[in-house]
Amino acid sequence: MVRGLRSAAEAIERDLRISAAQLFVLSELAQLPDQSVKDLAAVTMTTHSTVSQVVSQLIAKGLVTRSADESDGRRAVLRLTRQGATLLKKSPRAIQEDLIDGFGALRPSERRGLATGLEKWLDASGLGGAAPAMLFDKPLLGKPTSQARTRKPPSG
């Protein structure tokens, strides 16, 4: 599974020169324009901070614009630029959309069981306290991680 996900993410980066996380945000903005960073954090199931970083990268690449909401000037809304829309038209579907749709196709009891099992696996691996990040978003260099991980000796 990890190999397949990594391969898909690398193909997007190679072919489009954007990350899979950036493609996911572009796709979400195309489906529903004029979202705020807060809105995008909710629909991408991640943190405001993580989405804000991805959006800033998209703005720097000229793929997204940020402007004041016409109905509420205190709120900033995001829109695809013409360049962003063109890139999205030639892009494959974001892998995150497939994962979300696949998860949604499971019965509620299956979703709960899978989520519980994955949480237990992360806890057992020492990753349970990590803040949620956008799938396939690359951490910025030089930024400290929320918790430094230490390798536990194998038990047994």
N, C-alpha and C. Protein backbone atom coordinates (compact mmCIF):
# COMPACT_ATOMS: atom_id res chain seq x y z
N MET A 1 0.83 -1.19 0.00
CA MET A 1 0.00 0.00 0.00
C MET A 1 0.87 1.26 0.00
N VAL A 2 1.85 1.28 0.89
CA VAL A 2 2.72 2.45 0.98
C VAL A 2 3.47 2.65 -0.34
N ARG A 3 3.95 1.56 -0.92
CA ARG A 3 4.68 1.65 -2.19
C ARG A 3 3.79 2.25 -3.28
N GLY A 4 2.53 1.81 -3.35
CA GLY A 4 1.61 2.33 -4.35
C GLY A 4 1.31 3.81 -4.15
N LEU A 5 1.11 4.20 -2.90
CA LEU A 5 0.85 5.61 -2.59
C LEU A 5 2.06 6.48 -2.91
N ARG A 6 3.24 5.99 -2.55
CA ARG A 6 4.45 6.75 -2.84
C ARG A 6 4.66 6.89 -4.34
N SER A 7 4.41 5.82 -5.07
CA SER A 7 4.58 5.85 -6.52
C SER A 7 3.64 6.88 -7.16
N ALA A 8 2.38 6.90 -6.70
CA ALA A 8 1.41 7.86 -7.23
C ALA A 8 1.86 9.30 -6.92
N ALA A 9 2.32 9.52 -5.70
CA ALA A 9 2.76 10.86 -5.30
C ALA A 9 3.98 11.30 -6.11
N GLU A 10 4.91 10.39 -6.33
CA GLU A 10 6.11 10.73 -7.11
C GLU A 10 5.76 11.05 -8.56
N ALA A 11 4.80 10.32 -9.12
CA ALA A 11 4.38 10.58 -10.50
C ALA A 11 3.77 11.97 -10.62
N ILE A 12 2.97 12.36 -9.65
CA ILE A 12 2.36 13.69 -9.67
C ILE A 12 3.45 14.76 -9.61
N GLU A 13 4.40 14.58 -8.71
CA GLU A 13 5.48 15.57 -8.58
C GLU A 13 6.31 15.65 -9.85
N ARG A 14 6.60 14.51 -10.43
CA ARG A 14 7.42 14.47 -11.64
C ARG A 14 6.68 15.10 -12.82
N ASP A 15 5.41 14.75 -12.99
CA ASP A 15 4.66 15.19 -14.16
C ASP A 15 4.10 16.61 -14.04
N LEU A 16 3.71 17.00 -12.83
CA LEU A 16 3.03 18.28 -12.65
C LEU A 16 3.85 19.34 -11.93
N ARG A 17 4.92 18.91 -11.27
CA ARG A 17 5.77 19.83 -10.50
C ARG A 17 5.04 20.42 -9.30
N ILE A 18 4.07 19.68 -8.79
CA ILE A 18 3.42 20.03 -7.53
C ILE A 18 3.32 18.76 -6.70
N SER A 19 3.10 18.92 -5.40
CA SER A 19 2.97 17.75 -4.55
C SER A 19 1.54 17.20 -4.64
N ALA A 20 1.37 15.98 -4.19
CA ALA A 20 0.04 15.38 -4.16
C ALA A 20 -0.88 16.18 -3.22
N ALA A 21 -0.32 16.70 -2.14
CA ALA A 21 -1.11 17.53 -1.23
C ALA A 21 -1.60 18.80 -1.93
N GLN A 22 -0.73 19.40 -2.74
CA GLN A 22 -1.11 20.60 -3.48
C GLN A 22 -2.19 20.27 -4.50
N LEU A 23 -2.07 19.12 -5.16
CA LEU A 23 -3.10 18.70 -6.11
C LEU A 23 -4.44 18.51 -5.42
N PHE A 24 -4.42 17.94 -4.24
CA PHE A 24 -5.65 17.72 -3.47
C PHE A 24 -6.33 19.06 -3.15
N VAL A 25 -5.56 20.03 -2.72
CA VAL A 25 -6.13 21.35 -2.41
C VAL A 25 -6.67 22.01 -3.67
N LEU A 26 -5.93 21.93 -4.77
CA LEU A 26 -6.44 22.48 -6.04
C LEU A 26 -7.77 21.84 -6.41
N SER A 27 -7.84 20.53 -6.28
CA SER A 27 -9.06 19.81 -6.61
C SER A 27 -10.23 20.24 -5.73
N GLU A 28 -9.98 20.40 -4.46
CA GLU A 28 -11.04 20.84 -3.54
C GLU A 28 -11.50 22.26 -3.87
N LEU A 29 -10.56 23.13 -4.23
CA LEU A 29 -10.94 24.50 -4.60
C LEU A 29 -11.72 24.53 -5.92
N ALA A 30 -11.41 23.62 -6.83
CA ALA A 30 -12.15 23.57 -8.09
C ALA A 30 -13.58 23.11 -7.85
N GLN A 31 -13.76 22.18 -6.92
CA GLN A 31 -15.10 21.68 -6.62
C GLN A 31 -15.96 22.71 -5.91
N LEU A 32 -15.32 23.49 -5.04
CA LEU A 32 -16.05 24.51 -4.30
C LEU A 32 -15.15 25.73 -4.13
N PRO A 33 -15.24 26.68 -5.07
CA PRO A 33 -14.39 27.89 -4.97
C PRO A 33 -14.75 28.75 -3.76
N ASP A 34 -13.93 29.71 -3.50
CA ASP A 34 -14.15 30.69 -2.44
C ASP A 34 -14.16 30.09 -1.04
N GLN A 35 -13.34 29.09 -0.84
CA GLN A 35 -13.19 28.52 0.50
C GLN A 35 -12.10 29.27 1.24
N SER A 36 -12.20 29.28 2.55
CA SER A 36 -11.13 29.83 3.39
C SER A 36 -10.18 28.70 3.75
N VAL A 37 -9.06 29.04 4.35
CA VAL A 37 -8.13 28.01 4.82
C VAL A 37 -8.83 27.12 5.84
N LYS A 38 -9.64 27.73 6.69
CA LYS A 38 -10.38 26.95 7.69
C LYS A 38 -11.31 25.94 7.01
N ASP A 39 -12.00 26.38 5.97
CA ASP A 39 -12.88 25.47 5.21
C ASP A 39 -12.08 24.31 4.63
N LEU A 40 -10.95 24.65 4.02
CA LEU A 40 -10.12 23.61 3.40
C LEU A 40 -9.57 22.63 4.43
N ALA A 41 -9.24 23.11 5.60
CA ALA A 41 -8.75 22.22 6.66
C ALA A 41 -9.83 21.19 7.00
N ALA A 42 -11.07 21.63 7.03
CA ALA A 42 -12.17 20.70 7.35
C ALA A 42 -12.36 19.66 6.24
N VAL A 43 -12.39 20.10 4.98
CA VAL A 43 -12.66 19.14 3.91
C VAL A 43 -11.46 18.24 3.60
N THR A 44 -10.25 18.70 3.93
CA THR A 44 -9.08 17.85 3.71
C THR A 44 -8.73 17.04 4.96
N MET A 45 -9.48 17.24 6.02
CA MET A 45 -9.31 16.49 7.27
C MET A 45 -7.91 16.65 7.85
N THR A 46 -7.45 17.90 7.90
CA THR A 46 -6.13 18.17 8.46
C THR A 46 -6.17 19.48 9.25
N THR A 47 -5.03 19.97 9.64
CA THR A 47 -4.99 21.17 10.47
C THR A 47 -4.94 22.45 9.64
N HIS A 48 -5.36 23.52 10.26
CA HIS A 48 -5.32 24.84 9.64
C HIS A 48 -3.89 25.17 9.22
N SER A 49 -2.94 24.90 10.11
CA SER A 49 -1.53 25.22 9.84
C SER A 49 -1.01 24.48 8.61
N THR A 50 -1.33 23.20 8.51
CA THR A 50 -0.85 22.40 7.39
C THR A 50 -1.44 22.91 6.08
N VAL A 51 -2.74 23.15 6.06
CA VAL A 51 -3.38 23.65 4.84
C VAL A 51 -2.84 25.02 4.48
N SER A 52 -2.61 25.85 5.48
CA SER A 52 -2.08 27.18 5.23
C SER A 52 -0.72 27.11 4.52
N GLN A 53 0.13 26.17 4.93
CA GLN A 53 1.43 26.01 4.28
C GLN A 53 1.26 25.58 2.82
N VAL A 54 0.37 24.62 2.58
CA VAL A 54 0.14 24.14 1.21
C VAL A 54 -0.42 25.27 0.35
N VAL A 55 -1.38 26.02 0.88
CA VAL A 55 -1.97 27.14 0.15
C VAL A 55 -0.92 28.19 -0.17
N SER A 56 -0.05 28.49 0.78
CA SER A 56 1.02 29.48 0.53
C SER A 56 1.92 29.03 -0.61
N GLN A 57 2.21 27.74 -0.68
CA GLN A 57 3.03 27.22 -1.78
C GLN A 57 2.29 27.37 -3.11
N LEU A 58 0.99 27.12 -3.11
CA LEU A 58 0.20 27.24 -4.34
C LEU A 58 0.10 28.70 -4.80
N ILE A 59 -0.02 29.61 -3.85
CA ILE A 59 -0.05 31.04 -4.18
C ILE A 59 1.29 31.45 -4.78
N ALA A 60 2.38 30.99 -4.17
CA ALA A 60 3.73 31.32 -4.68
C ALA A 60 3.94 30.79 -6.10
N LYS A 61 3.30 29.69 -6.44
CA LYS A 61 3.42 29.11 -7.79
C LYS A 61 2.44 29.73 -8.78
N GLY A 62 1.59 30.64 -8.30
CA GLY A 62 0.63 31.29 -9.19
C GLY A 62 -0.57 30.43 -9.54
N LEU A 63 -0.85 29.42 -8.72
CA LEU A 63 -1.96 28.50 -9.00
C LEU A 63 -3.22 28.84 -8.23
N VAL A 64 -3.09 29.65 -7.18
CA VAL A 64 -4.21 30.04 -6.32
C VAL A 64 -4.06 31.51 -5.97
N THR A 65 -5.19 32.18 -5.82
CA THR A 65 -5.19 33.56 -5.32
C THR A 65 -5.94 33.61 -3.99
N ARG A 66 -5.57 34.60 -3.19
CA ARG A 66 -6.26 34.85 -1.93
C ARG A 66 -6.78 36.28 -1.99
N SER A 67 -8.07 36.45 -1.69
CA SER A 67 -8.65 37.79 -1.70
C SER A 67 -9.71 37.90 -0.62
N ALA A 68 -10.10 39.14 -0.34
CA ALA A 68 -11.14 39.36 0.66
C ALA A 68 -12.49 38.88 0.13
N ASP A 69 -13.25 38.25 0.99
CA ASP A 69 -14.60 37.79 0.65
C ASP A 69 -15.46 39.02 0.38
N GLU A 70 -16.19 39.01 -0.73
CA GLU A 70 -17.01 40.17 -1.08
C GLU A 70 -18.13 40.42 -0.07
N SER A 71 -18.63 39.37 0.57
CA SER A 71 -19.72 39.55 1.53
C SER A 71 -19.22 39.78 2.95
N ASP A 72 -17.95 39.44 3.24
CA ASP A 72 -17.38 39.64 4.56
C ASP A 72 -15.89 39.93 4.38
N GLY A 73 -15.55 41.18 4.35
CA GLY A 73 -14.18 41.60 4.08
C GLY A 73 -13.15 41.08 5.07
N ARG A 74 -13.59 40.60 6.23
CA ARG A 74 -12.66 40.07 7.23
C ARG A 74 -12.20 38.66 6.87
N ARG A 75 -12.94 38.02 5.99
CA ARG A 75 -12.67 36.62 5.63
C ARG A 75 -11.91 36.58 4.29
N ALA A 76 -10.83 35.81 4.26
CA ALA A 76 -10.07 35.63 3.01
C ALA A 76 -10.55 34.36 2.32
N VAL A 77 -10.77 34.47 1.01
CA VAL A 77 -11.20 33.30 0.24
C VAL A 77 -10.14 32.97 -0.81
N LEU A 78 -10.15 31.72 -1.19
CA LEU A 78 -9.15 31.21 -2.13
C LEU A 78 -9.82 30.79 -3.41
N ARG A 79 -9.14 31.05 -4.52
CA ARG A 79 -9.66 30.67 -5.84
C ARG A 79 -8.50 30.16 -6.69
N LEU A 80 -8.84 29.26 -7.61
CA LEU A 80 -7.85 28.83 -8.59
C LEU A 80 -7.59 29.97 -9.56
N THR A 81 -6.36 30.10 -9.98
CA THR A 81 -6.05 31.01 -11.07
C THR A 81 -6.32 30.26 -12.38
N ARG A 82 -6.24 30.96 -13.49
CA ARG A 82 -6.38 30.30 -14.79
C ARG A 82 -5.31 29.21 -14.92
N GLN A 83 -4.09 29.53 -14.48
CA GLN A 83 -2.99 28.57 -14.54
C GLN A 83 -3.30 27.34 -13.66
N GLY A 84 -3.87 27.56 -12.49
CA GLY A 84 -4.23 26.45 -11.60
C GLY A 84 -5.31 25.58 -12.20
N ALA A 85 -6.32 26.19 -12.82
CA ALA A 85 -7.40 25.45 -13.45
C ALA A 85 -6.88 24.63 -14.64
N THR A 86 -5.97 25.22 -15.41
CA THR A 86 -5.39 24.51 -16.55
C THR A 86 -4.59 23.31 -16.09
N LEU A 87 -3.78 23.49 -15.05
CA LEU A 87 -3.00 22.39 -14.51
C LEU A 87 -3.91 21.27 -14.01
N LEU A 88 -4.98 21.65 -13.33
CA LEU A 88 -5.90 20.66 -12.78
C LEU A 88 -6.59 19.86 -13.88
N LYS A 89 -6.89 20.51 -15.01
CA LYS A 89 -7.56 19.80 -16.11
C LYS A 89 -6.71 18.68 -16.68
N LYS A 90 -5.39 18.84 -16.65
CA LYS A 90 -4.52 17.80 -17.20
C LYS A 90 -3.98 16.87 -16.11
N SER A 91 -4.49 17.00 -14.90
CA SER A 91 -4.02 16.22 -13.77
C SER A 91 -4.87 14.98 -13.55
N PRO A 92 -4.25 13.95 -12.98
CA PRO A 92 -5.06 12.80 -12.56
C PRO A 92 -5.86 13.18 -11.32
N ARG A 93 -6.80 12.37 -10.99
CA ARG A 93 -7.58 12.58 -9.76
C ARG A 93 -6.63 12.46 -8.56
N ALA A 94 -6.81 13.31 -7.57
CA ALA A 94 -5.96 13.28 -6.37
C ALA A 94 -6.16 11.96 -5.64
N ILE A 95 -5.07 11.31 -5.28
CA ILE A 95 -5.14 10.02 -4.60
C ILE A 95 -5.93 10.12 -3.29
N GLN A 96 -5.87 11.26 -2.64
CA GLN A 96 -6.61 11.45 -1.39
C GLN A 96 -8.12 11.31 -1.63
N GLU A 97 -8.59 11.77 -2.78
CA GLU A 97 -10.02 11.65 -3.09
C GLU A 97 -10.41 10.18 -3.20
N ASP A 98 -9.56 9.38 -3.83
CA ASP A 98 -9.83 7.95 -3.94
C ASP A 98 -9.84 7.29 -2.56
N LEU A 99 -8.90 7.68 -1.71
CA LEU A 99 -8.85 7.10 -0.37
C LEU A 99 -10.08 7.48 0.45
N ILE A 100 -10.49 8.74 0.36
CA ILE A 100 -11.67 9.20 1.10
C ILE A 100 -12.92 8.50 0.59
N ASP A 101 -13.06 8.40 -0.73
CA ASP A 101 -14.22 7.71 -1.31
C ASP A 101 -14.23 6.23 -0.91
N GLY A 102 -13.06 5.59 -0.95
CA GLY A 102 -12.97 4.19 -0.56
C GLY A 102 -13.33 3.98 0.90
N PHE A 103 -12.86 4.88 1.75
CA PHE A 103 -13.18 4.80 3.18
C PHE A 103 -14.68 4.98 3.38
N GLY A 104 -15.25 5.92 2.64
CA GLY A 104 -16.69 6.18 2.75
C GLY A 104 -17.54 5.01 2.27
N ALA A 105 -16.99 4.17 1.39
CA ALA A 105 -17.73 3.02 0.88
C ALA A 105 -17.81 1.88 1.90
N LEU A 106 -16.98 1.95 2.94
CA LEU A 106 -17.01 0.92 3.97
C LEU A 106 -18.23 1.11 4.87
N ARG A 107 -18.69 0.02 5.46
CA ARG A 107 -19.77 0.11 6.44
C ARG A 107 -19.25 0.86 7.66
N PRO A 108 -20.13 1.55 8.40
CA PRO A 108 -19.66 2.29 9.59
C PRO A 108 -18.85 1.43 10.56
N SER A 109 -19.25 0.20 10.77
CA SER A 109 -18.50 -0.67 11.68
C SER A 109 -17.10 -0.97 11.13
N GLU A 110 -16.98 -1.09 9.82
CA GLU A 110 -15.67 -1.32 9.20
C GLU A 110 -14.79 -0.08 9.33
N ARG A 111 -15.38 1.11 9.14
CA ARG A 111 -14.62 2.35 9.29
C ARG A 111 -14.10 2.50 10.71
N ARG A 112 -14.98 2.23 11.69
CA ARG A 112 -14.57 2.34 13.09
C ARG A 112 -13.44 1.35 13.40
N GLY A 113 -13.60 0.12 12.94
CA GLY A 113 -12.58 -0.90 13.19
C GLY A 113 -11.25 -0.54 12.56
N LEU A 114 -11.29 -0.06 11.32
CA LEU A 114 -10.07 0.34 10.64
C LEU A 114 -9.41 1.51 11.35
N ALA A 115 -10.20 2.53 11.70
CA ALA A 115 -9.66 3.71 12.38
C ALA A 115 -9.06 3.32 13.73
N THR A 116 -9.75 2.48 14.46
CA THR A 116 -9.25 2.05 15.77
C THR A 116 -7.95 1.27 15.62
N GLY A 117 -7.92 0.36 14.66
CA GLY A 117 -6.72 -0.43 14.43
C GLY A 117 -5.53 0.42 14.02
N LEU A 118 -5.76 1.38 13.14
CA LEU A 118 -4.67 2.25 12.71
C LEU A 118 -4.17 3.12 13.85
N GLU A 119 -5.09 3.64 14.68
CA GLU A 119 -4.67 4.44 15.84
C GLU A 119 -3.82 3.60 16.79
N LYS A 120 -4.22 2.37 17.02
CA LYS A 120 -3.44 1.49 17.90
C LYS A 120 -2.06 1.21 17.30
N TRP A 121 -2.02 1.01 15.99
CA TRP A 121 -0.74 0.76 15.32
C TRP A 121 0.17 1.97 15.46
N LEU A 122 -0.38 3.19 15.24
CA LEU A 122 0.42 4.40 15.38
C LEU A 122 0.92 4.56 16.82
N ASP A 123 0.05 4.32 17.79
CA ASP A 123 0.46 4.42 19.20
C ASP A 123 1.59 3.43 19.50
N ALA A 124 1.44 2.19 19.04
CA ALA A 124 2.46 1.17 19.28
C ALA A 124 3.77 1.50 18.57
N SER A 125 3.68 2.27 17.49
CA SER A 125 4.87 2.66 16.74
C SER A 125 5.51 3.95 17.26
N GLY A 126 4.90 4.55 18.27
CA GLY A 126 5.42 5.80 18.81
C GLY A 126 5.02 7.02 18.01
N LEU A 127 4.02 6.88 17.14
CA LEU A 127 3.60 7.99 16.29
C LEU A 127 2.22 8.54 16.67
N GLY A 128 1.66 8.04 17.74
CA GLY A 128 0.30 8.41 18.12
C GLY A 128 0.12 9.88 18.46
N GLY A 129 1.15 10.55 18.93
CA GLY A 129 1.02 11.94 19.32
C GLY A 129 1.28 12.93 18.21
N ALA A 130 1.59 12.45 17.01
CA ALA A 130 1.91 13.34 15.90
C ALA A 130 0.67 14.09 15.44
N ALA A 131 0.82 15.37 15.16
CA ALA A 131 -0.29 16.18 14.65
C ALA A 131 -0.67 15.70 13.26
N PRO A 132 -1.95 15.77 12.91
CA PRO A 132 -2.34 15.34 11.57
C PRO A 132 -1.72 16.24 10.52
N ALA A 133 -1.22 15.63 9.47
CA ALA A 133 -0.62 16.36 8.37
C ALA A 133 -1.34 15.97 7.09
N MET A 134 -1.26 16.81 6.11
CA MET A 134 -1.89 16.49 4.84
C MET A 134 -1.11 15.38 4.17
N LEU A 135 -1.83 14.39 3.69
CA LEU A 135 -1.21 13.25 3.04
C LEU A 135 -0.34 13.72 1.88
N PHE A 136 0.91 13.32 1.89
CA PHE A 136 1.91 13.62 0.86
C PHE A 136 2.38 15.07 0.88
N ASP A 137 2.16 15.77 1.97
CA ASP A 137 2.74 17.10 2.09
C ASP A 137 4.16 16.92 2.62
N LYS A 138 5.08 17.65 2.06
CA LYS A 138 6.47 17.54 2.51
C LYS A 138 6.70 18.58 3.60
N PRO A 139 7.31 18.16 4.72
CA PRO A 139 7.58 19.14 5.78
C PRO A 139 8.60 20.17 5.28
N LEU A 140 8.44 21.38 5.77
CA LEU A 140 9.38 22.43 5.40
C LEU A 140 10.71 22.17 6.10
N LEU A 141 11.80 22.36 5.39
CA LEU A 141 13.11 22.14 5.96
C LEU A 141 13.38 23.15 7.06
N GLY A 142 14.03 22.69 8.08
CA GLY A 142 14.43 23.58 9.16
C GLY A 142 13.37 23.83 10.20
N LYS A 143 12.16 23.32 9.97
CA LYS A 143 11.11 23.49 10.98
C LYS A 143 11.18 22.33 11.95
N PRO A 144 11.13 22.60 13.24
CA PRO A 144 11.19 21.51 14.20
C PRO A 144 9.91 20.68 14.14
N THR A 145 10.04 19.40 14.40
CA THR A 145 8.86 18.54 14.44
C THR A 145 8.19 18.71 15.78
N SER A 146 6.93 18.31 15.88
CA SER A 146 6.19 18.48 17.12
C SER A 146 6.79 17.65 18.24
N GLN A 147 7.29 16.48 17.92
CA GLN A 147 7.93 15.63 18.92
C GLN A 147 9.04 14.87 18.23
N ALA A 148 10.19 14.88 18.83
CA ALA A 148 11.28 14.08 18.27
C ALA A 148 11.01 12.62 18.65
N ARG A 149 11.17 11.75 17.68
CA ARG A 149 10.95 10.33 17.94
C ARG A 149 12.26 9.70 18.34
N THR A 150 12.19 8.83 19.28
CA THR A 150 13.34 8.03 19.65
C THR A 150 13.04 6.59 19.33
N ARG A 151 14.04 5.91 18.86
CA ARG A 151 13.85 4.51 18.50
C ARG A 151 13.80 3.67 19.77
N LYS A 152 12.74 2.84 19.85
CA LYS A 152 12.61 1.94 20.99
C LYS A 152 13.30 0.63 20.65
N PRO A 153 13.98 0.05 21.62
CA PRO A 153 14.58 -1.25 21.33
C PRO A 153 13.47 -2.28 21.15
N PRO A 154 13.70 -3.26 20.25
CA PRO A 154 12.67 -4.27 20.03
C PRO A 154 12.43 -5.05 21.32
N SER A 155 11.16 -5.34 21.56
CA SER A 155 10.84 -6.11 22.76
C SER A 155 10.88 -7.59 22.42
N GLY A 156 11.15 -8.38 23.39
CA GLY A 156 11.05 -9.77 23.11
C GLY A 156 12.22 -10.51 23.48
